[in-house]
Amino acid sequence: MTSIESTGQPALILCTEDGTEIEFDEEGYFMDETQWSEAVCRKLAAQCGLTEMQDQHWKVLYAYREFYAYNGRAPLNKHLKSATGMSVLEMERLFPGGLKNGARRLCGLPNPKTCQ
């Protein structure tokens, strides 16, 4: 994969090794959440300074994704706490940028500004 680069348009693009282009909005959120994969997530995490993904990281990211898939919206902190068994502070500390600007971007959900 290559790093994220500006295209001169509002979106950013990440090119994967197989040539797939993944588009992000100007704030770094996936434009199409179906393009998310663990491999892409690891690459994005490394670019943010998170070089080693632990089970706790994946637990939070999959809690976001599962809640979104079932409910059509991102979970509130209370839902994440329930799903992961972690406190909000524990989850915030796991990700550069915390939950909102870290975990939510890495898990592949769309920008909260674009959600209905």
PDB file of N, CA and C in Angstrom:
ATOM      1  N   MET A   1       0.826  -1.172   0.000  1.00  0.00           N
ATOM      2  CA  MET A   1       0.000   0.000   0.000  1.00  0.00           C
ATOM      3  C   MET A   1       0.874   1.239   0.000  1.00  0.00           C
ATOM      4  N   THR A   2       0.361   2.285  -0.545  1.00  0.00           N
ATOM      5  CA  THR A   2       1.051   3.555  -0.484  1.00  0.00           C
ATOM      6  C   THR A   2       0.380   4.422   0.566  1.00  0.00           C
ATOM      7  N   SER A   3       0.983   5.541   0.862  1.00  0.00           N
ATOM      8  CA  SER A   3       0.379   6.405   1.875  1.00  0.00           C
ATOM      9  C   SER A   3      -0.795   7.169   1.281  1.00  0.00           C
ATOM     10  N   ILE A   4      -1.561   7.786   2.168  1.00  0.00           N
ATOM     11  CA  ILE A   4      -2.696   8.594   1.735  1.00  0.00           C
ATOM     12  C   ILE A   4      -2.148   9.842   1.052  1.00  0.00           C
ATOM     13  N   GLU A   5      -2.736  10.193  -0.065  1.00  0.00           N
ATOM     14  CA  GLU A   5      -2.291  11.368  -0.789  1.00  0.00           C
ATOM     15  C   GLU A   5      -3.489  12.194  -1.213  1.00  0.00           C
ATOM     16  N   SER A   6      -3.315  13.477  -1.327  1.00  0.00           N
ATOM     17  CA  SER A   6      -4.389  14.349  -1.762  1.00  0.00           C
ATOM     18  C   SER A   6      -4.569  14.216  -3.267  1.00  0.00           C
ATOM     19  N   THR A   7      -5.806  14.241  -3.717  1.00  0.00           N
ATOM     20  CA  THR A   7      -6.087  14.130  -5.148  1.00  0.00           C
ATOM     21  C   THR A   7      -6.451  15.470  -5.752  1.00  0.00           C
ATOM     22  N   GLY A   8      -6.412  16.538  -4.937  1.00  0.00           N
ATOM     23  CA  GLY A   8      -6.852  17.834  -5.423  1.00  0.00           C
ATOM     24  C   GLY A   8      -8.355  17.991  -5.311  1.00  0.00           C
ATOM     25  N   GLN A   9      -9.041  16.962  -4.919  1.00  0.00           N
ATOM     26  CA  GLN A   9     -10.477  16.972  -4.691  1.00  0.00           C
ATOM     27  C   GLN A   9     -10.701  16.844  -3.190  1.00  0.00           C
ATOM     28  N   PRO A  10     -11.950  16.938  -2.738  1.00  0.00           N
ATOM     29  CA  PRO A  10     -12.196  16.835  -1.303  1.00  0.00           C
ATOM     30  C   PRO A  10     -11.764  15.501  -0.694  1.00  0.00           C
ATOM     31  N   ALA A  11     -11.725  14.438  -1.479  1.00  0.00           N
ATOM     32  CA  ALA A  11     -11.417  13.108  -0.945  1.00  0.00           C
ATOM     33  C   ALA A  11      -9.917  12.812  -1.008  1.00  0.00           C
ATOM     34  N   LEU A  12      -9.483  11.900  -0.155  1.00  0.00           N
ATOM     35  CA  LEU A  12      -8.126  11.363  -0.165  1.00  0.00           C
ATOM     36  C   LEU A  12      -8.220   9.937  -0.676  1.00  0.00           C
ATOM     37  N   ILE A  13      -7.119   9.423  -1.199  1.00  0.00           N
ATOM     38  CA  ILE A  13      -7.133   8.066  -1.741  1.00  0.00           C
ATOM     39  C   ILE A  13      -5.966   7.277  -1.175  1.00  0.00           C
ATOM     40  N   LEU A  14      -6.242   6.038  -0.799  1.00  0.00           N
ATOM     41  CA  LEU A  14      -5.215   5.096  -0.393  1.00  0.00           C
ATOM     42  C   LEU A  14      -5.176   4.025  -1.469  1.00  0.00           C
ATOM     43  N   CYS A  15      -4.023   3.802  -2.059  1.00  0.00           N
ATOM     44  CA  CYS A  15      -3.878   2.757  -3.073  1.00  0.00           C
ATOM     45  C   CYS A  15      -3.300   1.521  -2.403  1.00  0.00           C
ATOM     46  N   THR A  16      -3.978   0.400  -2.548  1.00  0.00           N
ATOM     47  CA  THR A  16      -3.510  -0.847  -1.964  1.00  0.00           C
ATOM     48  C   THR A  16      -2.545  -1.528  -2.921  1.00  0.00           C
ATOM     49  N   GLU A  17      -1.869  -2.561  -2.435  1.00  0.00           N
ATOM     50  CA  GLU A  17      -0.901  -3.278  -3.256  1.00  0.00           C
ATOM     51  C   GLU A  17      -1.526  -3.906  -4.492  1.00  0.00           C
ATOM     52  N   ASP A  18      -2.816  -4.277  -4.405  1.00  0.00           N
ATOM     53  CA  ASP A  18      -3.466  -4.886  -5.566  1.00  0.00           C
ATOM     54  C   ASP A  18      -4.071  -3.843  -6.509  1.00  0.00           C
ATOM     55  N   GLY A  19      -3.815  -2.561  -6.237  1.00  0.00           N
ATOM     56  CA  GLY A  19      -4.286  -1.506  -7.124  1.00  0.00           C
ATOM     57  C   GLY A  19      -5.636  -0.937  -6.770  1.00  0.00           C
ATOM     58  N   THR A  20      -6.292  -1.477  -5.752  1.00  0.00           N
ATOM     59  CA  THR A  20      -7.591  -0.951  -5.337  1.00  0.00           C
ATOM     60  C   THR A  20      -7.414   0.440  -4.749  1.00  0.00           C
ATOM     61  N   GLU A  21      -8.272   1.357  -5.137  1.00  0.00           N
ATOM     62  CA  GLU A  21      -8.248   2.698  -4.579  1.00  0.00           C
ATOM     63  C   GLU A  21      -9.362   2.838  -3.560  1.00  0.00           C
ATOM     64  N   ILE A  22      -9.007   3.267  -2.372  1.00  0.00           N
ATOM     65  CA  ILE A  22      -9.979   3.464  -1.300  1.00  0.00           C
ATOM     66  C   ILE A  22     -10.091   4.956  -1.054  1.00  0.00           C
ATOM     67  N   GLU A  23     -11.294   5.491  -1.177  1.00  0.00           N
ATOM     68  CA  GLU A  23     -11.509   6.925  -1.032  1.00  0.00           C
ATOM     69  C   GLU A  23     -11.905   7.281   0.392  1.00  0.00           C
ATOM     70  N   PHE A  24     -11.383   8.414   0.828  1.00  0.00           N
ATOM     71  CA  PHE A  24     -11.689   8.979   2.134  1.00  0.00           C
ATOM     72  C   PHE A  24     -12.151  10.411   1.941  1.00  0.00           C
ATOM     73  N   ASP A  25     -12.982  10.906   2.849  1.00  0.00           N
ATOM     74  CA  ASP A  25     -13.363  12.302   2.768  1.00  0.00           C
ATOM     75  C   ASP A  25     -12.219  13.173   3.286  1.00  0.00           C
ATOM     76  N   GLU A  26     -12.421  14.471   3.279  1.00  0.00           N
ATOM     77  CA  GLU A  26     -11.358  15.395   3.660  1.00  0.00           C
ATOM     78  C   GLU A  26     -10.950  15.283   5.123  1.00  0.00           C
ATOM     79  N   GLU A  27     -11.749  14.608   5.940  1.00  0.00           N
ATOM     80  CA  GLU A  27     -11.416  14.415   7.351  1.00  0.00           C
ATOM     81  C   GLU A  27     -10.843  13.018   7.626  1.00  0.00           C
ATOM     82  N   GLY A  28     -10.684  12.217   6.594  1.00  0.00           N
ATOM     83  CA  GLY A  28     -10.056  10.910   6.742  1.00  0.00           C
ATOM     84  C   GLY A  28     -11.008   9.758   7.011  1.00  0.00           C
ATOM     85  N   TYR A  29     -12.311   9.969   6.834  1.00  0.00           N
ATOM     86  CA  TYR A  29     -13.288   8.889   7.017  1.00  0.00           C
ATOM     87  C   TYR A  29     -13.534   8.173   5.692  1.00  0.00           C
ATOM     88  N   PHE A  30     -13.774   6.876   5.759  1.00  0.00           N
ATOM     89  CA  PHE A  30     -14.075   6.091   4.564  1.00  0.00           C
ATOM     90  C   PHE A  30     -15.301   6.661   3.856  1.00  0.00           C
ATOM     91  N   MET A  31     -15.228   6.742   2.543  1.00  0.00           N
ATOM     92  CA  MET A  31     -16.390   7.145   1.743  1.00  0.00           C
ATOM     93  C   MET A  31     -17.310   5.939   1.540  1.00  0.00           C
ATOM     94  N   ASP A  32     -16.733   4.749   1.506  1.00  0.00           N
ATOM     95  CA  ASP A  32     -17.492   3.511   1.307  1.00  0.00           C
ATOM     96  C   ASP A  32     -17.017   2.501   2.351  1.00  0.00           C
ATOM     97  N   GLU A  33     -17.822   2.301   3.373  1.00  0.00           N
ATOM     98  CA  GLU A  33     -17.417   1.427   4.483  1.00  0.00           C
ATOM     99  C   GLU A  33     -17.208  -0.032   4.069  1.00  0.00           C
ATOM    100  N   THR A  34     -17.721  -0.428   2.903  1.00  0.00           N
ATOM    101  CA  THR A  34     -17.516  -1.808   2.451  1.00  0.00           C
ATOM    102  C   THR A  34     -16.079  -2.046   1.981  1.00  0.00           C
ATOM    103  N   GLN A  35     -15.298  -0.990   1.816  1.00  0.00           N
ATOM    104  CA  GLN A  35     -13.900  -1.143   1.406  1.00  0.00           C
ATOM    105  C   GLN A  35     -12.974  -1.400   2.591  1.00  0.00           C
ATOM    106  N   TRP A  36     -13.510  -1.391   3.789  1.00  0.00           N
ATOM    107  CA  TRP A  36     -12.706  -1.619   4.989  1.00  0.00           C
ATOM    108  C   TRP A  36     -12.217  -3.060   5.028  1.00  0.00           C
ATOM    109  N   SER A  37     -11.003  -3.256   5.495  1.00  0.00           N
ATOM    110  CA  SER A  37     -10.466  -4.579   5.788  1.00  0.00           C
ATOM    111  C   SER A  37      -9.461  -4.420   6.921  1.00  0.00           C
ATOM    112  N   GLU A  38      -9.110  -5.521   7.560  1.00  0.00           N
ATOM    113  CA  GLU A  38      -8.119  -5.445   8.629  1.00  0.00           C
ATOM    114  C   GLU A  38      -6.775  -4.966   8.085  1.00  0.00           C
ATOM    115  N   ALA A  39      -6.425  -5.372   6.877  1.00  0.00           N
ATOM    116  CA  ALA A  39      -5.148  -4.951   6.288  1.00  0.00           C
ATOM    117  C   ALA A  39      -5.111  -3.433   6.080  1.00  0.00           C
ATOM    118  N   VAL A  40      -6.188  -2.882   5.549  1.00  0.00           N
ATOM    119  CA  VAL A  40      -6.265  -1.438   5.352  1.00  0.00           C
ATOM    120  C   VAL A  40      -6.234  -0.739   6.708  1.00  0.00           C
ATOM    121  N   CYS A  41      -6.958  -1.277   7.663  1.00  0.00           N
ATOM    122  CA  CYS A  41      -6.988  -0.710   9.008  1.00  0.00           C
ATOM    123  C   CYS A  41      -5.586  -0.670   9.616  1.00  0.00           C
ATOM    124  N   ARG A  42      -4.840  -1.751   9.473  1.00  0.00           N
ATOM    125  CA  ARG A  42      -3.462  -1.789  10.014  1.00  0.00           C
ATOM    126  C   ARG A  42      -2.587  -0.714   9.376  1.00  0.00           C
ATOM    127  N   LYS A  43      -2.739  -0.524   8.083  1.00  0.00           N
ATOM    128  CA  LYS A  43      -1.952   0.489   7.371  1.00  0.00           C
ATOM    129  C   LYS A  43      -2.310   1.885   7.874  1.00  0.00           C
ATOM    130  N   LEU A  44      -3.585   2.163   7.993  1.00  0.00           N
ATOM    131  CA  LEU A  44      -4.021   3.465   8.493  1.00  0.00           C
ATOM    132  C   LEU A  44      -3.565   3.680   9.932  1.00  0.00           C
ATOM    133  N   ALA A  45      -3.663   2.629  10.744  1.00  0.00           N
ATOM    134  CA  ALA A  45      -3.230   2.727  12.143  1.00  0.00           C
ATOM    135  C   ALA A  45      -1.745   3.056  12.224  1.00  0.00           C
ATOM    136  N   ALA A  46      -0.944   2.408  11.402  1.00  0.00           N
ATOM    137  CA  ALA A  46       0.498   2.657  11.400  1.00  0.00           C
ATOM    138  C   ALA A  46       0.793   4.106  11.009  1.00  0.00           C
ATOM    139  N   GLN A  47       0.038   4.629  10.062  1.00  0.00           N
ATOM    140  CA  GLN A  47       0.234   6.019   9.646  1.00  0.00           C
ATOM    141  C   GLN A  47      -0.124   6.996  10.761  1.00  0.00           C
ATOM    142  N   CYS A  48      -0.980   6.576  11.682  1.00  0.00           N
ATOM    143  CA  CYS A  48      -1.372   7.417  12.824  1.00  0.00           C
ATOM    144  C   CYS A  48      -0.464   7.203  14.030  1.00  0.00           C
ATOM    145  N   GLY A  49       0.510   6.311  13.921  1.00  0.00           N
ATOM    146  CA  GLY A  49       1.420   6.043  15.026  1.00  0.00           C
ATOM    147  C   GLY A  49       1.078   4.823  15.846  1.00  0.00           C
ATOM    148  N   LEU A  50       0.028   4.111  15.464  1.00  0.00           N
ATOM    149  CA  LEU A  50      -0.377   2.891  16.168  1.00  0.00           C
ATOM    150  C   LEU A  50       0.206   1.709  15.397  1.00  0.00           C
ATOM    151  N   THR A  51       1.383   1.263  15.806  1.00  0.00           N
ATOM    152  CA  THR A  51       2.111   0.272  15.017  1.00  0.00           C
ATOM    153  C   THR A  51       1.760  -1.169  15.343  1.00  0.00           C
ATOM    154  N   GLU A  52       1.149  -1.405  16.489  1.00  0.00           N
ATOM    155  CA  GLU A  52       0.794  -2.774  16.859  1.00  0.00           C
ATOM    156  C   GLU A  52      -0.655  -2.835  17.340  1.00  0.00           C
ATOM    157  N   MET A  53      -1.476  -3.547  16.603  1.00  0.00           N
ATOM    158  CA  MET A  53      -2.883  -3.696  16.952  1.00  0.00           C
ATOM    159  C   MET A  53      -3.042  -4.896  17.884  1.00  0.00           C
ATOM    160  N   GLN A  54      -3.576  -4.644  19.063  1.00  0.00           N
ATOM    161  CA  GLN A  54      -3.810  -5.675  20.068  1.00  0.00           C
ATOM    162  C   GLN A  54      -5.270  -6.132  20.015  1.00  0.00           C
ATOM    163  N   ASP A  55      -5.581  -7.194  20.747  1.00  0.00           N
ATOM    164  CA  ASP A  55      -6.960  -7.693  20.817  1.00  0.00           C
ATOM    165  C   ASP A  55      -7.932  -6.607  21.271  1.00  0.00           C
ATOM    166  N   GLN A  56      -7.498  -5.758  22.198  1.00  0.00           N
ATOM    167  CA  GLN A  56      -8.372  -4.688  22.705  1.00  0.00           C
ATOM    168  C   GLN A  56      -8.749  -3.714  21.589  1.00  0.00           C
ATOM    169  N   HIS A  57      -7.799  -3.411  20.727  1.00  0.00           N
ATOM    170  CA  HIS A  57      -8.092  -2.514  19.604  1.00  0.00           C
ATOM    171  C   HIS A  57      -9.167  -3.116  18.707  1.00  0.00           C
ATOM    172  N   TRP A  58      -8.958  -4.393  18.348  1.00  0.00           N
ATOM    173  CA  TRP A  58      -9.917  -5.050  17.460  1.00  0.00           C
ATOM    174  C   TRP A  58     -11.283  -5.179  18.121  1.00  0.00           C
ATOM    175  N   LYS A  59     -11.312  -5.390  19.419  1.00  0.00           N
ATOM    176  CA  LYS A  59     -12.586  -5.493  20.132  1.00  0.00           C
ATOM    177  C   LYS A  59     -13.394  -4.201  19.979  1.00  0.00           C
ATOM    178  N   VAL A  60     -12.725  -3.070  20.128  1.00  0.00           N
ATOM    179  CA  VAL A  60     -13.403  -1.772  19.983  1.00  0.00           C
ATOM    180  C   VAL A  60     -13.833  -1.551  18.536  1.00  0.00           C
ATOM    181  N   LEU A  61     -12.936  -1.817  17.596  1.00  0.00           N
ATOM    182  CA  LEU A  61     -13.260  -1.583  16.188  1.00  0.00           C
ATOM    183  C   LEU A  61     -14.419  -2.456  15.718  1.00  0.00           C
ATOM    184  N   TYR A  62     -14.417  -3.722  16.123  1.00  0.00           N
ATOM    185  CA  TYR A  62     -15.516  -4.596  15.721  1.00  0.00           C
ATOM    186  C   TYR A  62     -16.815  -4.257  16.458  1.00  0.00           C
ATOM    187  N   ALA A  63     -16.722  -3.721  17.664  1.00  0.00           N
ATOM    188  CA  ALA A  63     -17.934  -3.266  18.355  1.00  0.00           C
ATOM    189  C   ALA A  63     -18.579  -2.125  17.565  1.00  0.00           C
ATOM    190  N   TYR A  64     -17.760  -1.191  17.100  1.00  0.00           N
ATOM    191  CA  TYR A  64     -18.270  -0.117  16.235  1.00  0.00           C
ATOM    192  C   TYR A  64     -18.942  -0.700  14.992  1.00  0.00           C
ATOM    193  N   ARG A  65     -18.239  -1.582  14.299  1.00  0.00           N
ATOM    194  CA  ARG A  65     -18.739  -2.109  13.032  1.00  0.00           C
ATOM    195  C   ARG A  65     -20.011  -2.936  13.199  1.00  0.00           C
ATOM    196  N   GLU A  66     -20.059  -3.770  14.231  1.00  0.00           N
ATOM    197  CA  GLU A  66     -21.236  -4.603  14.452  1.00  0.00           C
ATOM    198  C   GLU A  66     -22.451  -3.760  14.831  1.00  0.00           C
ATOM    199  N   PHE A  67     -22.257  -2.778  15.673  1.00  0.00           N
ATOM    200  CA  PHE A  67     -23.375  -1.909  16.049  1.00  0.00           C
ATOM    201  C   PHE A  67     -23.883  -1.156  14.826  1.00  0.00           C
ATOM    202  N   TYR A  68     -22.964  -0.631  14.027  1.00  0.00           N
ATOM    203  CA  TYR A  68     -23.348   0.105  12.828  1.00  0.00           C
ATOM    204  C   TYR A  68     -24.093  -0.798  11.837  1.00  0.00           C
ATOM    205  N   ALA A  69     -23.616  -1.997  11.656  1.00  0.00           N
ATOM    206  CA  ALA A  69     -24.264  -2.932  10.725  1.00  0.00           C
ATOM    207  C   ALA A  69     -25.687  -3.259  11.162  1.00  0.00           C
ATOM    208  N   TYR A  70     -25.905  -3.366  12.455  1.00  0.00           N
ATOM    209  CA  TYR A  70     -27.217  -3.740  12.972  1.00  0.00           C
ATOM    210  C   TYR A  70     -28.156  -2.545  13.083  1.00  0.00           C
ATOM    211  N   ASN A  71     -27.618  -1.374  13.461  1.00  0.00           N
ATOM    212  CA  ASN A  71     -28.457  -0.209  13.769  1.00  0.00           C
ATOM    213  C   ASN A  71     -28.403   0.911  12.737  1.00  0.00           C
ATOM    214  N   GLY A  72     -27.461   0.845  11.806  1.00  0.00           N
ATOM    215  CA  GLY A  72     -27.371   1.884  10.795  1.00  0.00           C
ATOM    216  C   GLY A  72     -26.799   3.197  11.299  1.00  0.00           C
ATOM    217  N   ARG A  73     -26.206   3.187  12.458  1.00  0.00           N
ATOM    218  CA  ARG A  73     -25.574   4.375  13.033  1.00  0.00           C
ATOM    219  C   ARG A  73     -24.462   3.926  13.965  1.00  0.00           C
ATOM    220  N   ALA A  74     -23.608   4.859  14.301  1.00  0.00           N
ATOM    221  CA  ALA A  74     -22.500   4.541  15.207  1.00  0.00           C
ATOM    222  C   ALA A  74     -23.021   4.377  16.630  1.00  0.00           C
ATOM    223  N   PRO A  75     -22.345   3.567  17.430  1.00  0.00           N
ATOM    224  CA  PRO A  75     -22.761   3.387  18.822  1.00  0.00           C
ATOM    225  C   PRO A  75     -22.414   4.591  19.684  1.00  0.00           C
ATOM    226  N   LEU A  76     -23.191   4.771  20.712  1.00  0.00           N
ATOM    227  CA  LEU A  76     -22.844   5.741  21.750  1.00  0.00           C
ATOM    228  C   LEU A  76     -21.789   5.100  22.647  1.00  0.00           C
ATOM    229  N   ASN A  77     -21.134   5.907  23.458  1.00  0.00           N
ATOM    230  CA  ASN A  77     -20.110   5.378  24.355  1.00  0.00           C
ATOM    231  C   ASN A  77     -20.653   4.281  25.265  1.00  0.00           C
ATOM    232  N   LYS A  78     -21.903   4.423  25.717  1.00  0.00           N
ATOM    233  CA  LYS A  78     -22.464   3.399  26.608  1.00  0.00           C
ATOM    234  C   LYS A  78     -22.583   2.053  25.891  1.00  0.00           C
ATOM    235  N   HIS A  79     -22.853   2.075  24.588  1.00  0.00           N
ATOM    236  CA  HIS A  79     -22.931   0.831  23.824  1.00  0.00           C
ATOM    237  C   HIS A  79     -21.549   0.202  23.678  1.00  0.00           C
ATOM    238  N   LEU A  80     -20.540   1.041  23.448  1.00  0.00           N
ATOM    239  CA  LEU A  80     -19.176   0.535  23.341  1.00  0.00           C
ATOM    240  C   LEU A  80     -18.717  -0.067  24.661  1.00  0.00           C
ATOM    241  N   LYS A  81     -19.043   0.602  25.764  1.00  0.00           N
ATOM    242  CA  LYS A  81     -18.680   0.082  27.084  1.00  0.00           C
ATOM    243  C   LYS A  81     -19.298  -1.288  27.303  1.00  0.00           C
ATOM    244  N   SER A  82     -20.559  -1.410  26.971  1.00  0.00           N
ATOM    245  CA  SER A  82     -21.270  -2.673  27.148  1.00  0.00           C
ATOM    246  C   SER A  82     -20.688  -3.778  26.266  1.00  0.00           C
ATOM    247  N   ALA A  83     -20.387  -3.439  25.027  1.00  0.00           N
ATOM    248  CA  ALA A  83     -19.894  -4.441  24.075  1.00  0.00           C
ATOM    249  C   ALA A  83     -18.462  -4.889  24.364  1.00  0.00           C
ATOM    250  N   THR A  84     -17.649  -3.987  24.912  1.00  0.00           N
ATOM    251  CA  THR A  84     -16.232  -4.300  25.094  1.00  0.00           C
ATOM    252  C   THR A  84     -15.853  -4.636  26.532  1.00  0.00           C
ATOM    253  N   GLY A  85     -16.656  -4.184  27.488  1.00  0.00           N
ATOM    254  CA  GLY A  85     -16.294  -4.365  28.891  1.00  0.00           C
ATOM    255  C   GLY A  85     -15.198  -3.418  29.349  1.00  0.00           C
ATOM    256  N   MET A  86     -14.920  -2.386  28.555  1.00  0.00           N
ATOM    257  CA  MET A  86     -13.887  -1.408  28.891  1.00  0.00           C
ATOM    258  C   MET A  86     -14.534  -0.070  29.232  1.00  0.00           C
ATOM    259  N   SER A  87     -13.828   0.723  29.993  1.00  0.00           N
ATOM    260  CA  SER A  87     -14.303   2.078  30.271  1.00  0.00           C
ATOM    261  C   SER A  87     -14.018   2.963  29.061  1.00  0.00           C
ATOM    262  N   VAL A  88     -14.696   4.098  29.001  1.00  0.00           N
ATOM    263  CA  VAL A  88     -14.458   5.036  27.908  1.00  0.00           C
ATOM    264  C   VAL A  88     -13.009   5.507  27.942  1.00  0.00           C
ATOM    265  N   LEU A  89     -12.485   5.773  29.118  1.00  0.00           N
ATOM    266  CA  LEU A  89     -11.097   6.218  29.243  1.00  0.00           C
ATOM    267  C   LEU A  89     -10.120   5.163  28.719  1.00  0.00           C
ATOM    268  N   GLU A  90     -10.363   3.896  29.034  1.00  0.00           N
ATOM    269  CA  GLU A  90      -9.510   2.824  28.521  1.00  0.00           C
ATOM    270  C   GLU A  90      -9.539   2.798  26.992  1.00  0.00           C
ATOM    271  N   MET A  91     -10.730   2.929  26.425  1.00  0.00           N
ATOM    272  CA  MET A  91     -10.853   2.898  24.966  1.00  0.00           C
ATOM    273  C   MET A  91     -10.204   4.128  24.336  1.00  0.00           C
ATOM    274  N   GLU A  92     -10.406   5.290  24.926  1.00  0.00           N
ATOM    275  CA  GLU A  92      -9.805   6.526  24.409  1.00  0.00           C
ATOM    276  C   GLU A  92      -8.287   6.406  24.343  1.00  0.00           C
ATOM    277  N   ARG A  93      -7.691   5.809  25.366  1.00  0.00           N
ATOM    278  CA  ARG A  93      -6.233   5.694  25.442  1.00  0.00           C
ATOM    279  C   ARG A  93      -5.648   4.721  24.421  1.00  0.00           C
ATOM    280  N   LEU A  94      -6.471   3.847  23.887  1.00  0.00           N
ATOM    281  CA  LEU A  94      -5.990   2.858  22.921  1.00  0.00           C
ATOM    282  C   LEU A  94      -5.637   3.467  21.566  1.00  0.00           C
ATOM    283  N   PHE A  95      -6.297   4.561  21.206  1.00  0.00           N
ATOM    284  CA  PHE A  95      -6.194   5.087  19.850  1.00  0.00           C
ATOM    285  C   PHE A  95      -5.671   6.513  19.815  1.00  0.00           C
ATOM    286  N   PRO A  96      -4.664   6.777  18.966  1.00  0.00           N
ATOM    287  CA  PRO A  96      -4.293   8.174  18.734  1.00  0.00           C
ATOM    288  C   PRO A  96      -5.530   8.903  18.193  1.00  0.00           C
ATOM    289  N   GLY A  97      -5.907   9.976  18.799  1.00  0.00           N
ATOM    290  CA  GLY A  97      -7.128  10.668  18.391  1.00  0.00           C
ATOM    291  C   GLY A  97      -8.348  10.206  19.161  1.00  0.00           C
ATOM    292  N   GLY A  98      -8.173   9.267  20.086  1.00  0.00           N
ATOM    293  CA  GLY A  98      -9.290   8.796  20.904  1.00  0.00           C
ATOM    294  C   GLY A  98     -10.310   7.993  20.114  1.00  0.00           C
ATOM    295  N   LEU A  99     -11.533   7.978  20.597  1.00  0.00           N
ATOM    296  CA  LEU A  99     -12.592   7.214  19.936  1.00  0.00           C
ATOM    297  C   LEU A  99     -13.090   7.913  18.675  1.00  0.00           C
ATOM    298  N   LYS A 100     -13.390   9.196  18.803  1.00  0.00           N
ATOM    299  CA  LYS A 100     -13.996   9.916  17.681  1.00  0.00           C
ATOM    300  C   LYS A 100     -13.055  10.066  16.499  1.00  0.00           C
ATOM    301  N   ASN A 101     -11.853  10.554  16.738  1.00  0.00           N
ATOM    302  CA  ASN A 101     -10.930  10.835  15.637  1.00  0.00           C
ATOM    303  C   ASN A 101      -9.908   9.736  15.410  1.00  0.00           C
ATOM    304  N   GLY A 102      -9.983   8.679  16.182  1.00  0.00           N
ATOM    305  CA  GLY A 102      -9.069   7.560  16.014  1.00  0.00           C
ATOM    306  C   GLY A 102      -9.803   6.296  15.635  1.00  0.00           C
ATOM    307  N   ALA A 103     -10.480   5.707  16.623  1.00  0.00           N
ATOM    308  CA  ALA A 103     -11.157   4.431  16.407  1.00  0.00           C
ATOM    309  C   ALA A 103     -12.231   4.516  15.327  1.00  0.00           C
ATOM    310  N   ARG A 104     -13.005   5.578  15.349  1.00  0.00           N
ATOM    311  CA  ARG A 104     -14.099   5.674  14.377  1.00  0.00           C
ATOM    312  C   ARG A 104     -13.577   5.731  12.943  1.00  0.00           C
ATOM    313  N   ARG A 105     -12.466   6.394  12.728  1.00  0.00           N
ATOM    314  CA  ARG A 105     -11.871   6.421  11.385  1.00  0.00           C
ATOM    315  C   ARG A 105     -11.318   5.053  11.013  1.00  0.00           C
ATOM    316  N   LEU A 106     -10.645   4.412  11.958  1.00  0.00           N
ATOM    317  CA  LEU A 106     -10.014   3.123  11.671  1.00  0.00           C
ATOM    318  C   LEU A 106     -11.016   2.003  11.427  1.00  0.00           C
ATOM    319  N   CYS A 107     -12.196   2.096  12.020  1.00  0.00           N
ATOM    320  CA  CYS A 107     -13.167   1.007  11.884  1.00  0.00           C
ATOM    321  C   CYS A 107     -13.958   1.079  10.583  1.00  0.00           C
ATOM    322  N   GLY A 108     -13.781   2.152   9.826  1.00  0.00           N
ATOM    323  CA  GLY A 108     -14.392   2.214   8.505  1.00  0.00           C
ATOM    324  C   GLY A 108     -15.771   2.822   8.427  1.00  0.00           C
ATOM    325  N   LEU A 109     -16.276   3.369   9.512  1.00  0.00           N
ATOM    326  CA  LEU A 109     -17.594   4.003   9.463  1.00  0.00           C
ATOM    327  C   LEU A 109     -17.513   5.337   8.726  1.00  0.00           C
ATOM    328  N   PRO A 110     -18.629   5.763   8.131  1.00  0.00           N
ATOM    329  CA  PRO A 110     -18.620   7.054   7.441  1.00  0.00           C
ATOM    330  C   PRO A 110     -18.507   8.208   8.438  1.00  0.00           C
ATOM    331  N   ASN A 111     -18.178   9.360   7.916  1.00  0.00           N
ATOM    332  CA  ASN A 111     -18.079  10.574   8.722  1.00  0.00           C
ATOM    333  C   ASN A 111     -19.411  10.828   9.425  1.00  0.00           C
ATOM    334  N   PRO A 112     -19.372  11.081  10.746  1.00  0.00           N
ATOM    335  CA  PRO A 112     -20.637  11.328  11.458  1.00  0.00           C
ATOM    336  C   PRO A 112     -21.402  12.525  10.907  1.00  0.00           C
ATOM    337  N   LYS A 113     -20.714  13.455  10.258  1.00  0.00           N
ATOM    338  CA  LYS A 113     -21.384  14.614   9.671  1.00  0.00           C
ATOM    339  C   LYS A 113     -22.272  14.236   8.499  1.00  0.00           C
ATOM    340  N   THR A 114     -21.981  13.083   7.860  1.00  0.00           N
ATOM    341  CA  THR A 114     -22.754  12.670   6.693  1.00  0.00           C
ATOM    342  C   THR A 114     -23.851  11.686   7.039  1.00  0.00           C
ATOM    343  N   CYS A 115     -23.878  11.211   8.276  1.00  0.00           N
ATOM    344  CA  CYS A 115     -24.904  10.243   8.678  1.00  0.00           C
ATOM    345  C   CYS A 115     -26.219  10.945   8.937  1.00  0.00           C
ATOM    346  N   GLN A 116     -27.295  10.296   8.579  1.00  0.00           N
ATOM    347  CA  GLN A 116     -28.636  10.862   8.782  1.00  0.00           C
ATOM    348  C   GLN A 116     -29.103  10.619  10.187  1.00  0.00           C
TER     349      GLN A 116
END
